[in-house]
């Protein structure tokens, strides 16, 4: 029996620290093969052949992504965002005005409630100032070595 075959090149496996590359050389003298028959698990066979096809025709080199559609979407989204911000600006300004009015009322109410305390505290400090002038300025009076 005589067996005739010819390969365009050798099958090669190259490995480096970054990757592993495999190149399989087919027999150029071999006639195309076909399969004719019934399959018991046709779905599994179809998936296996599809996976084999993807491996055979795959090009795993890096291809830069086309980001033009994303950039167009981002530009449109930014326009929509600015329109939304402009629409919300008046509403937020109104809310700020309402809150400012309420805050002013709360401050006035707090001032009215705290007024007796502040007046009593001031009277106490005035009393201390008149009663013990030296204690007001410290134990050294005007000749404080630190002051």
N, C-alpha and C. Protein backbone atom coordinates (compact mmCIF):
# COMPACT_ATOMS: atom_id res chain seq x y z
N UNK A 1 0.84 -1.17 0.00
CA UNK A 1 0.00 0.00 0.00
C UNK A 1 0.89 1.24 0.00
N UNK A 2 0.59 2.12 -0.90
CA UNK A 2 1.35 3.34 -1.00
C UNK A 2 0.51 4.48 -0.46
N UNK A 3 1.12 5.23 0.44
CA UNK A 3 0.41 6.34 1.07
C UNK A 3 1.09 7.63 0.65
N UNK A 4 0.34 8.49 -0.03
CA UNK A 4 0.91 9.73 -0.55
C UNK A 4 0.30 10.91 0.23
N UNK A 5 1.17 11.76 0.72
CA UNK A 5 0.71 12.94 1.45
C UNK A 5 1.69 14.08 1.25
N UNK A 6 1.21 15.32 1.46
CA UNK A 6 2.07 16.50 1.35
C UNK A 6 1.49 17.59 2.25
N UNK A 7 2.36 18.17 3.02
CA UNK A 7 1.95 19.26 3.91
C UNK A 7 2.61 20.54 3.44
N UNK A 8 1.86 21.64 3.55
CA UNK A 8 2.41 22.94 3.15
C UNK A 8 3.51 23.40 4.10
N UNK A 9 3.42 23.00 5.34
CA UNK A 9 4.43 23.33 6.34
C UNK A 9 4.26 22.35 7.50
N UNK A 10 5.08 22.51 8.50
CA UNK A 10 5.00 21.65 9.67
C UNK A 10 3.98 22.23 10.66
N UNK A 11 3.33 21.35 11.40
CA UNK A 11 2.50 21.81 12.52
C UNK A 11 3.45 22.28 13.62
N UNK A 12 3.13 23.41 14.21
CA UNK A 12 4.06 24.04 15.15
C UNK A 12 3.30 24.49 16.40
N UNK A 13 3.95 24.31 17.55
CA UNK A 13 3.45 24.88 18.82
C UNK A 13 4.57 25.71 19.39
N UNK A 14 4.31 27.01 19.56
CA UNK A 14 5.31 27.91 20.12
C UNK A 14 4.76 28.48 21.42
N UNK A 15 5.58 28.47 22.45
CA UNK A 15 5.13 28.94 23.76
C UNK A 15 6.12 29.96 24.28
N UNK A 16 5.57 31.03 24.86
CA UNK A 16 6.41 32.04 25.50
C UNK A 16 5.76 32.39 26.83
N UNK A 17 6.36 33.32 27.56
CA UNK A 17 5.80 33.71 28.85
C UNK A 17 4.46 34.41 28.68
N UNK A 18 4.23 35.05 27.54
CA UNK A 18 3.00 35.82 27.33
C UNK A 18 1.88 35.00 26.70
N UNK A 19 2.23 34.03 25.83
CA UNK A 19 1.17 33.31 25.12
C UNK A 19 1.68 31.99 24.56
N UNK A 20 0.75 31.21 24.03
CA UNK A 20 1.06 29.97 23.34
C UNK A 20 0.38 30.01 21.98
N UNK A 21 1.14 29.73 20.91
CA UNK A 21 0.59 29.77 19.56
C UNK A 21 0.71 28.37 18.95
N UNK A 22 -0.38 27.95 18.29
CA UNK A 22 -0.40 26.65 17.63
C UNK A 22 -0.78 26.85 16.18
N UNK A 23 -0.05 26.19 15.27
CA UNK A 23 -0.35 26.25 13.84
C UNK A 23 -0.38 24.82 13.31
N UNK A 24 -1.53 24.40 12.79
CA UNK A 24 -1.68 23.05 12.26
C UNK A 24 -1.67 23.10 10.74
N UNK A 25 -0.86 22.26 10.14
CA UNK A 25 -0.76 22.22 8.68
C UNK A 25 -1.60 21.06 8.15
N UNK A 26 -2.51 21.32 7.21
CA UNK A 26 -3.32 20.23 6.65
C UNK A 26 -2.58 19.51 5.52
N UNK A 27 -3.07 18.33 5.22
CA UNK A 27 -2.53 17.54 4.10
C UNK A 27 -3.11 18.14 2.82
N UNK A 28 -2.26 18.69 1.97
CA UNK A 28 -2.75 19.36 0.75
C UNK A 28 -3.17 18.38 -0.34
N UNK A 29 -2.73 17.12 -0.27
CA UNK A 29 -3.10 16.14 -1.29
C UNK A 29 -4.39 15.39 -0.95
N UNK A 30 -4.85 15.55 0.24
CA UNK A 30 -6.04 14.82 0.67
C UNK A 30 -7.30 15.43 0.05
N UNK A 31 -8.16 14.57 -0.40
CA UNK A 31 -9.43 15.04 -0.96
C UNK A 31 -10.34 15.46 0.18
N UNK A 32 -11.28 16.37 -0.10
CA UNK A 32 -12.22 16.77 0.95
C UNK A 32 -13.00 15.57 1.45
N UNK A 33 -13.31 15.56 2.73
CA UNK A 33 -14.04 14.44 3.31
C UNK A 33 -15.47 14.86 3.62
N UNK A 34 -16.33 13.88 3.60
CA UNK A 34 -17.75 14.13 3.85
C UNK A 34 -18.27 13.07 4.79
N UNK A 35 -19.38 13.36 5.41
CA UNK A 35 -20.03 12.40 6.30
C UNK A 35 -21.47 12.23 5.83
N UNK A 36 -21.89 11.00 5.74
CA UNK A 36 -23.25 10.72 5.34
C UNK A 36 -23.78 9.66 6.28
N UNK A 37 -24.87 9.99 6.97
CA UNK A 37 -25.42 9.01 7.89
C UNK A 37 -26.34 9.68 8.89
N UNK A 38 -26.84 8.90 9.81
CA UNK A 38 -27.73 9.42 10.84
C UNK A 38 -26.95 9.54 12.14
N UNK A 39 -27.25 10.59 12.88
CA UNK A 39 -26.59 10.83 14.16
C UNK A 39 -27.57 10.58 15.29
N UNK A 40 -27.11 9.93 16.32
CA UNK A 40 -27.97 9.69 17.47
C UNK A 40 -28.11 10.98 18.29
N UNK A 41 -27.02 11.75 18.44
CA UNK A 41 -27.04 13.00 19.19
C UNK A 41 -26.69 14.14 18.24
N UNK A 42 -27.65 14.50 17.43
CA UNK A 42 -27.39 15.49 16.38
C UNK A 42 -27.10 16.88 16.96
N UNK A 43 -27.76 17.24 18.04
CA UNK A 43 -27.53 18.55 18.63
C UNK A 43 -26.11 18.67 19.18
N UNK A 44 -25.64 17.64 19.87
CA UNK A 44 -24.29 17.65 20.42
C UNK A 44 -23.26 17.67 19.29
N UNK A 45 -23.52 16.91 18.20
CA UNK A 45 -22.61 16.91 17.06
C UNK A 45 -22.56 18.29 16.41
N UNK A 46 -23.74 18.90 16.25
CA UNK A 46 -23.78 20.24 15.65
C UNK A 46 -22.97 21.24 16.48
N UNK A 47 -23.12 21.19 17.80
CA UNK A 47 -22.37 22.10 18.67
C UNK A 47 -20.87 21.83 18.60
N UNK A 48 -20.50 20.56 18.54
CA UNK A 48 -19.07 20.21 18.47
C UNK A 48 -18.47 20.68 17.16
N UNK A 49 -19.18 20.48 16.06
CA UNK A 49 -18.66 20.92 14.75
C UNK A 49 -18.60 22.45 14.70
N UNK A 50 -19.59 23.11 15.28
CA UNK A 50 -19.56 24.59 15.32
C UNK A 50 -18.38 25.09 16.13
N UNK A 51 -18.11 24.43 17.25
CA UNK A 51 -16.96 24.81 18.07
C UNK A 51 -15.66 24.56 17.31
N UNK A 52 -15.58 23.42 16.60
CA UNK A 52 -14.39 23.12 15.80
C UNK A 52 -14.21 24.16 14.70
N UNK A 53 -15.30 24.55 14.07
CA UNK A 53 -15.23 25.58 13.02
C UNK A 53 -14.71 26.89 13.61
N UNK A 54 -15.21 27.27 14.78
CA UNK A 54 -14.74 28.51 15.42
C UNK A 54 -13.25 28.44 15.73
N UNK A 55 -12.78 27.27 16.14
CA UNK A 55 -11.35 27.11 16.43
C UNK A 55 -10.53 27.22 15.16
N UNK A 56 -11.00 26.57 14.08
CA UNK A 56 -10.24 26.55 12.83
C UNK A 56 -10.15 27.94 12.20
N UNK A 57 -11.25 28.67 12.21
CA UNK A 57 -11.25 29.97 11.52
C UNK A 57 -10.95 31.14 12.45
N UNK A 58 -10.68 30.87 13.72
CA UNK A 58 -10.51 31.97 14.67
C UNK A 58 -9.22 32.74 14.41
N UNK A 59 -9.33 34.02 14.68
CA UNK A 59 -8.16 34.92 14.62
C UNK A 59 -8.13 35.62 15.97
N UNK A 60 -7.29 35.13 16.86
CA UNK A 60 -7.29 35.61 18.22
C UNK A 60 -6.39 36.82 18.43
N UNK A 61 -5.98 37.44 17.36
CA UNK A 61 -5.19 38.66 17.51
C UNK A 61 -6.10 39.78 18.01
N UNK A 62 -5.50 40.73 18.71
CA UNK A 62 -6.26 41.83 19.28
C UNK A 62 -6.69 42.79 18.18
N UNK A 63 -7.96 43.14 18.21
CA UNK A 63 -8.50 44.13 17.28
C UNK A 63 -9.08 45.27 18.10
N UNK A 64 -8.70 46.50 17.79
CA UNK A 64 -9.26 47.62 18.56
C UNK A 64 -10.77 47.72 18.34
N UNK A 65 -11.47 48.08 19.39
CA UNK A 65 -12.92 48.19 19.31
C UNK A 65 -13.31 49.46 18.57
N UNK A 66 -14.39 49.38 17.85
CA UNK A 66 -14.93 50.56 17.18
C UNK A 66 -15.84 51.26 18.18
N UNK A 67 -15.43 52.42 18.64
CA UNK A 67 -16.15 53.12 19.68
C UNK A 67 -16.96 54.30 19.14
N UNK A 68 -17.13 54.38 17.83
CA UNK A 68 -17.84 55.53 17.28
C UNK A 68 -19.30 55.53 17.72
N UNK A 69 -19.95 54.38 17.71
CA UNK A 69 -21.36 54.31 18.13
C UNK A 69 -21.49 54.70 19.60
N UNK A 70 -20.56 54.23 20.43
CA UNK A 70 -20.61 54.58 21.85
C UNK A 70 -20.40 56.08 22.03
N UNK A 71 -19.45 56.64 21.31
CA UNK A 71 -19.20 58.09 21.45
C UNK A 71 -20.39 58.90 20.99
N UNK A 72 -21.06 58.47 19.94
CA UNK A 72 -22.28 59.16 19.50
C UNK A 72 -23.35 59.05 20.57
N UNK A 73 -23.52 57.87 21.14
CA UNK A 73 -24.51 57.69 22.20
C UNK A 73 -24.17 58.57 23.40
N UNK A 74 -22.88 58.59 23.78
CA UNK A 74 -22.46 59.39 24.93
C UNK A 74 -22.73 60.88 24.68
N UNK A 75 -22.47 61.34 23.45
CA UNK A 75 -22.74 62.75 23.14
C UNK A 75 -24.24 63.05 23.22
N UNK A 76 -25.06 62.16 22.69
CA UNK A 76 -26.52 62.34 22.79
C UNK A 76 -26.98 62.31 24.24
N UNK A 77 -26.41 61.39 25.02
CA UNK A 77 -26.78 61.28 26.43
C UNK A 77 -26.38 62.54 27.19
N UNK A 78 -25.24 63.10 26.86
CA UNK A 78 -24.80 64.33 27.52
C UNK A 78 -25.74 65.48 27.20
N UNK A 79 -26.19 65.55 25.95
CA UNK A 79 -27.17 66.58 25.58
C UNK A 79 -28.47 66.38 26.38
N UNK A 80 -28.91 65.14 26.48
CA UNK A 80 -30.13 64.85 27.24
C UNK A 80 -29.93 65.23 28.70
N UNK A 81 -28.75 64.91 29.23
CA UNK A 81 -28.47 65.24 30.63
C UNK A 81 -28.50 66.74 30.85
N UNK A 82 -27.92 67.52 29.93
CA UNK A 82 -27.92 68.98 30.10
C UNK A 82 -29.33 69.54 30.00
N UNK A 83 -30.15 68.96 29.12
CA UNK A 83 -31.53 69.41 29.01
C UNK A 83 -32.27 69.09 30.31
N UNK A 84 -32.02 67.92 30.86
CA UNK A 84 -32.65 67.53 32.13
C UNK A 84 -32.19 68.45 33.26
N UNK A 85 -30.90 68.77 33.29
CA UNK A 85 -30.38 69.65 34.33
C UNK A 85 -31.02 71.03 34.21
N UNK A 86 -31.12 71.53 32.99
CA UNK A 86 -31.72 72.84 32.80
C UNK A 86 -33.19 72.84 33.25
N UNK A 87 -33.90 71.74 32.97
CA UNK A 87 -35.30 71.65 33.37
C UNK A 87 -35.43 71.57 34.89
N UNK A 88 -34.52 70.88 35.53
CA UNK A 88 -34.59 70.72 36.98
C UNK A 88 -34.06 71.94 37.73
N UNK A 89 -33.32 72.78 37.05
CA UNK A 89 -32.69 73.93 37.71
C UNK A 89 -33.73 74.85 38.36
N UNK A 90 -34.81 75.15 37.65
CA UNK A 90 -35.85 76.04 38.19
C UNK A 90 -36.51 75.39 39.41
N UNK A 91 -36.78 74.10 39.30
CA UNK A 91 -37.41 73.40 40.42
C UNK A 91 -36.50 73.41 41.65
N UNK A 92 -35.22 73.18 41.44
CA UNK A 92 -34.27 73.17 42.55
C UNK A 92 -34.14 74.57 43.14
N UNK A 93 -34.14 75.60 42.30
CA UNK A 93 -34.05 76.98 42.80
C UNK A 93 -35.25 77.29 43.68
N UNK A 94 -36.43 76.84 43.29
CA UNK A 94 -37.63 77.05 44.09
C UNK A 94 -37.52 76.32 45.42
N UNK A 95 -37.02 75.09 45.40
CA UNK A 95 -36.85 74.34 46.64
C UNK A 95 -35.84 75.03 47.56
N UNK A 96 -34.77 75.54 46.98
CA UNK A 96 -33.76 76.24 47.78
C UNK A 96 -34.38 77.48 48.42
N UNK A 97 -35.16 78.20 47.67
CA UNK A 97 -35.80 79.41 48.21
C UNK A 97 -36.74 79.03 49.36
N UNK A 98 -37.55 77.99 49.18
CA UNK A 98 -38.46 77.56 50.24
C UNK A 98 -37.69 77.13 51.49
N UNK A 99 -36.63 76.39 51.30
CA UNK A 99 -35.83 75.91 52.44
C UNK A 99 -35.14 77.08 53.12
N UNK A 100 -34.68 78.07 52.34
CA UNK A 100 -34.03 79.24 52.94
C UNK A 100 -35.02 80.01 53.81
N UNK A 101 -36.24 80.15 53.34
CA UNK A 101 -37.26 80.84 54.14
C UNK A 101 -37.52 80.08 55.43
N UNK A 102 -37.65 78.75 55.32
CA UNK A 102 -37.90 77.93 56.50
C UNK A 102 -36.72 78.00 57.46
N UNK A 103 -35.49 77.98 56.92
CA UNK A 103 -34.30 78.06 57.76
C UNK A 103 -34.24 79.40 58.49
N UNK A 104 -34.59 80.48 57.80
CA UNK A 104 -34.63 81.79 58.46
C UNK A 104 -35.62 81.81 59.61
N UNK A 105 -36.80 81.22 59.40
CA UNK A 105 -37.81 81.15 60.47
C UNK A 105 -37.29 80.33 61.65
N UNK A 106 -36.62 79.21 61.36
CA UNK A 106 -36.07 78.38 62.43
C UNK A 106 -34.98 79.12 63.21
N UNK A 107 -34.16 79.88 62.52
CA UNK A 107 -33.10 80.64 63.20
C UNK A 107 -33.71 81.72 64.10
N UNK A 108 -34.74 82.40 63.61
CA UNK A 108 -35.39 83.42 64.44
C UNK A 108 -36.04 82.79 65.67
N UNK A 109 -36.69 81.65 65.49
CA UNK A 109 -37.32 80.96 66.61
C UNK A 109 -36.25 80.51 67.61
N UNK A 110 -35.12 79.97 67.11
CA UNK A 110 -34.04 79.55 67.99
C UNK A 110 -33.47 80.74 68.74
N UNK A 111 -33.33 81.86 68.07
CA UNK A 111 -32.80 83.07 68.71
C UNK A 111 -33.74 83.54 69.82
N UNK A 112 -35.04 83.49 69.57
CA UNK A 112 -36.01 83.89 70.60
C UNK A 112 -35.95 82.95 71.80
N UNK A 113 -35.82 81.66 71.55
CA UNK A 113 -35.78 80.71 72.65
C UNK A 113 -34.48 80.81 73.44
N UNK A 114 -33.38 81.12 72.76
CA UNK A 114 -32.08 81.17 73.43
C UNK A 114 -31.77 82.54 74.02
N UNK A 115 -32.59 83.56 73.70
CA UNK A 115 -32.32 84.92 74.17
C UNK A 115 -32.20 85.00 75.69
N UNK A 116 -33.08 84.39 76.50
CA UNK A 116 -32.91 84.47 77.96
C UNK A 116 -31.57 83.87 78.42
N UNK A 117 -31.15 82.77 77.80
CA UNK A 117 -29.87 82.17 78.16
C UNK A 117 -28.72 83.11 77.84
N UNK A 118 -28.70 83.68 76.63
CA UNK A 118 -27.63 84.58 76.24
C UNK A 118 -27.60 85.82 77.13
N UNK A 119 -28.76 86.34 77.50
CA UNK A 119 -28.81 87.52 78.38
C UNK A 119 -28.29 87.18 79.77
N UNK A 120 -28.67 86.02 80.30
CA UNK A 120 -28.20 85.60 81.62
C UNK A 120 -26.69 85.38 81.60
N UNK A 121 -26.20 84.77 80.55
CA UNK A 121 -24.76 84.56 80.45
C UNK A 121 -24.01 85.88 80.40
N UNK A 122 -24.56 86.84 79.64
CA UNK A 122 -23.91 88.16 79.54
C UNK A 122 -23.92 88.87 80.90
N UNK A 123 -25.04 88.76 81.62
CA UNK A 123 -25.10 89.38 82.95
C UNK A 123 -24.07 88.75 83.88
N UNK A 124 -23.89 87.43 83.77
CA UNK A 124 -22.90 86.73 84.60
C UNK A 124 -21.49 87.21 84.28
N UNK A 125 -21.16 87.33 83.01
CA UNK A 125 -19.82 87.80 82.65
C UNK A 125 -19.62 89.26 83.06
N UNK A 126 -20.66 90.07 82.94
CA UNK A 126 -20.55 91.46 83.41
C UNK A 126 -20.30 91.50 84.91
N UNK A 127 -20.99 90.63 85.65
CA UNK A 127 -20.80 90.55 87.10
C UNK A 127 -19.36 90.16 87.41
N UNK A 128 -18.84 89.14 86.73
CA UNK A 128 -17.45 88.71 86.95
C UNK A 128 -16.47 89.82 86.61
N UNK A 129 -16.76 90.55 85.58
CA UNK A 129 -15.86 91.62 85.13
C UNK A 129 -15.80 92.72 86.19
N UNK A 130 -16.98 93.10 86.74
CA UNK A 130 -17.01 94.16 87.76
C UNK A 130 -16.48 93.66 89.10
N UNK A 131 -16.82 92.46 89.48
CA UNK A 131 -16.50 91.94 90.81
C UNK A 131 -15.03 91.58 90.96
N UNK A 132 -14.46 90.88 89.95
CA UNK A 132 -13.08 90.41 90.07
C UNK A 132 -12.36 90.70 88.75
N UNK A 133 -11.93 91.92 88.62
CA UNK A 133 -11.28 92.39 87.39
C UNK A 133 -10.01 91.60 87.10
N UNK A 134 -9.24 91.30 88.14
CA UNK A 134 -7.97 90.57 87.94
C UNK A 134 -8.22 89.14 87.43
N UNK A 135 -9.26 88.51 87.91
CA UNK A 135 -9.56 87.15 87.45
C UNK A 135 -10.00 87.16 86.00
N UNK A 136 -10.56 88.24 85.59
CA UNK A 136 -11.02 88.36 84.20
C UNK A 136 -9.84 88.28 83.23
N UNK A 137 -8.73 88.93 83.60
CA UNK A 137 -7.56 88.94 82.72
C UNK A 137 -6.51 87.90 83.09
N UNK A 138 -6.74 87.10 84.08
CA UNK A 138 -5.82 86.04 84.42
C UNK A 138 -5.09 86.36 85.71
N UNK A 139 -4.32 85.39 86.21
CA UNK A 139 -3.65 85.56 87.51
C UNK A 139 -2.51 86.57 87.47
N UNK A 140 -1.97 86.91 86.30
CA UNK A 140 -0.83 87.79 86.23
C UNK A 140 -1.20 89.23 85.94
N UNK A 141 -2.46 89.47 85.68
CA UNK A 141 -2.87 90.83 85.34
C UNK A 141 -2.21 91.27 84.05
N UNK A 142 -1.68 92.47 84.04
CA UNK A 142 -1.05 93.00 82.82
C UNK A 142 0.38 92.56 82.69
N UNK A 143 0.98 91.98 83.71
CA UNK A 143 2.37 91.57 83.65
C UNK A 143 2.50 90.08 83.37
N UNK A 144 1.60 89.52 82.57
CA UNK A 144 1.61 88.10 82.24
C UNK A 144 2.86 87.81 81.38
N UNK A 145 3.74 86.89 81.83
CA UNK A 145 4.95 86.60 81.05
C UNK A 145 4.66 85.93 79.71
N UNK A 146 3.57 85.26 79.58
CA UNK A 146 3.23 84.56 78.32
C UNK A 146 2.55 85.51 77.35
N UNK A 147 1.72 86.42 77.89
CA UNK A 147 0.91 87.27 77.01
C UNK A 147 1.74 88.25 76.27
